Amino acid sequence: MLFLNKFELVQSIISKIMKIPVEKVTLESVKSDFENWDSLNQLNLVMELEANFNVSIPIDEIANIDSVQSILHILNNIHN
């Protein structure tokens, strides 16, 4: 597998979960940009992020996931 940077990996995960082309996911993307981003897909997204980044996202942070930026922010805080 090619090495992807954190954004590219998040981008591909969102693309897969939300069933949209990867180029539609940008650093500026927010939850409301994706009609498939509902509570179930929020959980699917969290599980994929946890599996791919080998982290456990704290339950209180899950509610804060509402954009690509928020995902990257949470991942950066977990790794630091």
C-alpha atoms as a PDB file:
ATOM      1  CA  MET A   1       0.000   0.000   0.000  1.00  0.00           C
ATOM      2  CA  LEU A   2       1.210   3.474  -0.798  1.00  0.00           C
ATOM      3  CA  PHE A   3       1.966   5.724   2.114  1.00  0.00           C
ATOM      4  CA  LEU A   4      -0.750   8.318   2.450  1.00  0.00           C
ATOM      5  CA  ASN A   5      -0.563  11.432   4.539  1.00  0.00           C
ATOM      6  CA  LYS A   6      -3.101  11.836   7.313  1.00  0.00           C
ATOM      7  CA  PHE A   7      -5.426  14.011   5.224  1.00  0.00           C
ATOM      8  CA  GLU A   8      -5.360  11.606   2.258  1.00  0.00           C
ATOM      9  CA  LEU A   9      -6.212   8.684   4.507  1.00  0.00           C
ATOM     10  CA  VAL A  10      -9.070  10.607   6.179  1.00  0.00           C
ATOM     11  CA  GLN A  11     -10.222  11.684   2.713  1.00  0.00           C
ATOM     12  CA  SER A  12     -10.329   8.096   1.441  1.00  0.00           C
ATOM     13  CA  ILE A  13     -12.142   6.873   4.584  1.00  0.00           C
ATOM     14  CA  ILE A  14     -14.821   9.582   4.295  1.00  0.00           C
ATOM     15  CA  SER A  15     -15.164   8.845   0.583  1.00  0.00           C
ATOM     16  CA  LYS A  16     -15.699   5.147   1.287  1.00  0.00           C
ATOM     17  CA  ILE A  17     -18.153   5.589   4.185  1.00  0.00           C
ATOM     18  CA  MET A  18     -20.177   8.378   2.557  1.00  0.00           C
ATOM     19  CA  LYS A  19     -20.056   6.703  -0.888  1.00  0.00           C
ATOM     20  CA  ILE A  20     -18.800   9.786  -2.698  1.00  0.00           C
ATOM     21  CA  PRO A  21     -15.843  10.449  -5.027  1.00  0.00           C
ATOM     22  CA  VAL A  22     -12.653  11.072  -3.076  1.00  0.00           C
ATOM     23  CA  GLU A  23     -12.098  14.427  -4.805  1.00  0.00           C
ATOM     24  CA  LYS A  24     -15.345  15.711  -3.232  1.00  0.00           C
ATOM     25  CA  VAL A  25     -13.674  15.502   0.207  1.00  0.00           C
ATOM     26  CA  THR A  26     -11.522  18.560   0.889  1.00  0.00           C
ATOM     27  CA  LEU A  27      -9.877  20.130   3.920  1.00  0.00           C
ATOM     28  CA  GLU A  28     -12.839  22.517   4.026  1.00  0.00           C
ATOM     29  CA  SER A  29     -15.506  19.770   3.919  1.00  0.00           C
ATOM     30  CA  VAL A  30     -18.067  19.741   6.719  1.00  0.00           C
ATOM     31  CA  LYS A  31     -20.689  17.230   7.789  1.00  0.00           C
ATOM     32  CA  SER A  32     -23.532  19.050   5.994  1.00  0.00           C
ATOM     33  CA  ASP A  33     -21.694  18.666   2.664  1.00  0.00           C
ATOM     34  CA  PHE A  34     -22.509  14.938   2.680  1.00  0.00           C
ATOM     35  CA  GLU A  35     -26.116  13.771   2.622  1.00  0.00           C
ATOM     36  CA  ASN A  36     -25.035  10.296   3.788  1.00  0.00           C
ATOM     37  CA  TRP A  37     -23.391  11.661   6.952  1.00  0.00           C
ATOM     38  CA  ASP A  38     -25.961  10.516   9.494  1.00  0.00           C
ATOM     39  CA  SER A  39     -25.599   9.055  12.982  1.00  0.00           C
ATOM     40  CA  LEU A  40     -24.948   5.526  11.689  1.00  0.00           C
ATOM     41  CA  ASN A  41     -22.287   6.667   9.245  1.00  0.00           C
ATOM     42  CA  GLN A  42     -20.791   8.832  11.994  1.00  0.00           C
ATOM     43  CA  LEU A  43     -20.204   5.608  13.959  1.00  0.00           C
ATOM     44  CA  ASN A  44     -18.902   3.812  10.851  1.00  0.00           C
ATOM     45  CA  LEU A  45     -16.551   6.725  10.260  1.00  0.00           C
ATOM     46  CA  VAL A  46     -15.263   6.623  13.842  1.00  0.00           C
ATOM     47  CA  MET A  47     -14.679   2.857  13.647  1.00  0.00           C
ATOM     48  CA  GLU A  48     -12.787   3.198  10.339  1.00  0.00           C
ATOM     49  CA  LEU A  49     -10.679   6.055  11.692  1.00  0.00           C
ATOM     50  CA  GLU A  50      -9.853   4.071  14.824  1.00  0.00           C
ATOM     51  CA  ALA A  51      -8.922   0.991  12.784  1.00  0.00           C
ATOM     52  CA  ASN A  52      -6.833   2.855  10.209  1.00  0.00           C
ATOM     53  CA  PHE A  53      -5.015   5.120  12.655  1.00  0.00           C
ATOM     54  CA  ASN A  54      -4.805   2.518  15.441  1.00  0.00           C
ATOM     55  CA  VAL A  55      -6.314   4.900  17.986  1.00  0.00           C
ATOM     56  CA  SER A  56      -9.282   5.023  20.306  1.00  0.00           C
ATOM     57  CA  ILE A  57     -11.295   8.205  19.885  1.00  0.00           C
ATOM     58  CA  PRO A  58     -12.658   9.330  23.268  1.00  0.00           C
ATOM     59  CA  ILE A  59     -16.448   9.182  23.453  1.00  0.00           C
ATOM     60  CA  ASP A  60     -16.692  12.904  24.236  1.00  0.00           C
ATOM     61  CA  GLU A  61     -14.713  13.688  21.056  1.00  0.00           C
ATOM     62  CA  ILE A  62     -17.021  11.674  18.784  1.00  0.00           C
ATOM     63  CA  ALA A  63     -19.730  14.351  19.027  1.00  0.00           C
ATOM     64  CA  ASN A  64     -17.156  16.946  17.906  1.00  0.00           C
ATOM     65  CA  ILE A  65     -16.538  15.171  14.603  1.00  0.00           C
ATOM     66  CA  ASP A  66     -18.344  17.396  12.130  1.00  0.00           C
ATOM     67  CA  SER A  67     -15.703  18.247   9.531  1.00  0.00           C
ATOM     68  CA  VAL A  68     -12.461  17.063   7.967  1.00  0.00           C
ATOM     69  CA  GLN A  69     -10.627  19.656  10.085  1.00  0.00           C
ATOM     70  CA  SER A  70     -12.199  18.355  13.300  1.00  0.00           C
ATOM     71  CA  ILE A  71     -11.145  14.791  12.431  1.00  0.00           C
ATOM     72  CA  LEU A  72      -7.554  15.873  11.781  1.00  0.00           C
ATOM     73  CA  HIS A  73      -7.528  17.954  14.974  1.00  0.00           C
ATOM     74  CA  ILE A  74      -8.751  15.009  17.077  1.00  0.00           C
ATOM     75  CA  LEU A  75      -6.277  12.596  15.454  1.00  0.00           C
ATOM     76  CA  ASN A  76      -3.406  15.034  16.049  1.00  0.00           C
ATOM     77  CA  ASN A  77      -4.378  15.434  19.710  1.00  0.00           C
ATOM     78  CA  ILE A  78      -4.583  11.676  20.244  1.00  0.00           C
ATOM     79  CA  HIS A  79      -1.140  11.107  18.723  1.00  0.00           C
ATOM     80  CA  ASN A  80       0.527  13.882  20.709  1.00  0.00           C
END
